[in-house]
Amino acid sequence: MPLYNPTFIYALLNDEITRAEDLHGVNPNLSDEIWMRILVEEIGEVARAIHENKPSKNIIEELIQVSAVSLRWADERFNRDLR
């Protein structure tokens, strides 16, 4: 049995994707370069939270954002290139 609750993590990811889409809209035509910039920015926020000794809750929130961007990017690539 995993030490984490995948259902809870997936719910957090879904909530973050929905929040980001509500805030920024759905952008199916972003280039890989733009997606990479977004992802690196999010990774930088994880690094900053660790460097500033933020509570685990903050670091987890940033990691969920990294995961959400990665999933959205993969989804866009799939829809663009494999459908």
Protein backbone atom coordinates (compact mmCIF):
# COMPACT_ATOMS: atom_id res chain seq x y z
CA MET A 1 0.00 0.00 0.00
CA PRO A 2 1.42 3.43 -0.92
CA LEU A 3 2.42 5.87 1.77
CA TYR A 4 0.43 8.56 0.00
CA ASN A 5 -3.16 8.84 -1.04
CA PRO A 6 -3.17 8.95 -4.85
CA THR A 7 -6.85 9.84 -4.98
CA PHE A 8 -6.18 12.92 -2.84
CA ILE A 9 -3.14 13.91 -4.93
CA TYR A 10 -5.13 13.52 -8.17
CA ALA A 11 -7.90 15.66 -6.71
CA LEU A 12 -5.37 18.37 -5.83
CA LEU A 13 -3.97 18.20 -9.37
CA ASN A 14 -7.43 18.43 -10.90
CA ASP A 15 -8.28 21.41 -8.69
CA GLU A 16 -5.03 23.16 -9.67
CA ILE A 17 -5.57 22.54 -13.38
CA THR A 18 -9.12 23.89 -13.12
CA ARG A 19 -7.90 26.94 -11.15
CA ALA A 20 -5.17 27.68 -13.69
CA GLU A 21 -7.57 27.29 -16.63
CA ASP A 22 -10.08 29.59 -14.95
CA LEU A 23 -7.33 32.15 -14.34
CA HIS A 24 -5.43 31.91 -17.65
CA GLY A 25 -7.84 30.13 -19.98
CA VAL A 26 -7.03 27.10 -22.10
CA ASN A 27 -4.19 27.79 -24.53
CA PRO A 28 -3.92 24.87 -26.95
CA ASN A 29 -1.45 26.61 -29.25
CA LEU A 30 1.36 27.36 -26.82
CA SER A 31 4.79 26.40 -28.12
CA ASP A 32 7.00 23.98 -26.26
CA GLU A 33 9.27 26.92 -25.46
CA ILE A 34 6.42 28.73 -23.69
CA TRP A 35 5.42 25.58 -21.80
CA MET A 36 9.05 25.14 -20.75
CA ARG A 37 9.21 28.72 -19.44
CA ILE A 38 6.02 28.16 -17.43
CA LEU A 39 7.36 24.88 -16.02
CA VAL A 40 10.76 26.34 -15.11
CA GLU A 41 9.05 29.25 -13.37
CA GLU A 42 7.02 26.81 -11.29
CA ILE A 43 10.14 24.77 -10.47
CA GLY A 44 11.80 28.01 -9.39
CA GLU A 45 8.94 28.62 -7.00
CA VAL A 46 9.55 25.19 -5.44
CA ALA A 47 13.23 26.06 -5.06
CA ARG A 48 12.38 29.42 -3.50
CA ALA A 49 9.94 27.82 -1.03
CA ILE A 50 12.63 25.33 0.02
CA HIS A 51 15.33 28.02 0.23
CA GLU A 52 13.07 30.22 2.37
CA ASN A 53 12.24 27.27 4.67
CA LYS A 54 8.53 27.56 3.93
CA PRO A 55 6.22 25.06 5.63
CA SER A 56 5.66 21.71 3.90
CA LYS A 57 2.15 22.84 2.94
CA ASN A 58 3.64 25.62 0.76
CA ILE A 59 6.17 23.31 -0.85
CA ILE A 60 3.48 20.74 -1.61
CA GLU A 61 1.31 23.44 -3.20
CA GLU A 62 4.23 24.44 -5.43
CA LEU A 63 4.93 20.80 -6.33
CA ILE A 64 1.28 20.33 -7.28
CA GLN A 65 1.59 23.36 -9.57
CA VAL A 66 4.69 21.83 -11.22
CA SER A 67 2.78 18.60 -11.72
CA ALA A 68 -0.27 20.40 -13.08
CA VAL A 69 1.80 22.31 -15.65
CA SER A 70 3.52 19.08 -16.69
CA LEU A 71 0.21 17.30 -17.12
CA ARG A 72 -1.32 20.17 -19.09
CA TRP A 73 1.73 20.32 -21.36
CA ALA A 74 1.59 16.55 -21.95
CA ASP A 75 -2.14 16.79 -22.64
CA GLU A 76 -1.64 19.60 -25.15
CA ARG A 77 1.11 17.63 -26.93
CA PHE A 78 -1.10 14.56 -27.04
CA ASN A 79 -4.06 16.49 -28.43
CA ARG A 80 -1.88 18.30 -30.96
CA ASP A 81 0.34 15.47 -32.16
CA LEU A 82 -1.30 12.11 -31.46
CA ARG A 83 -5.01 12.54 -32.10
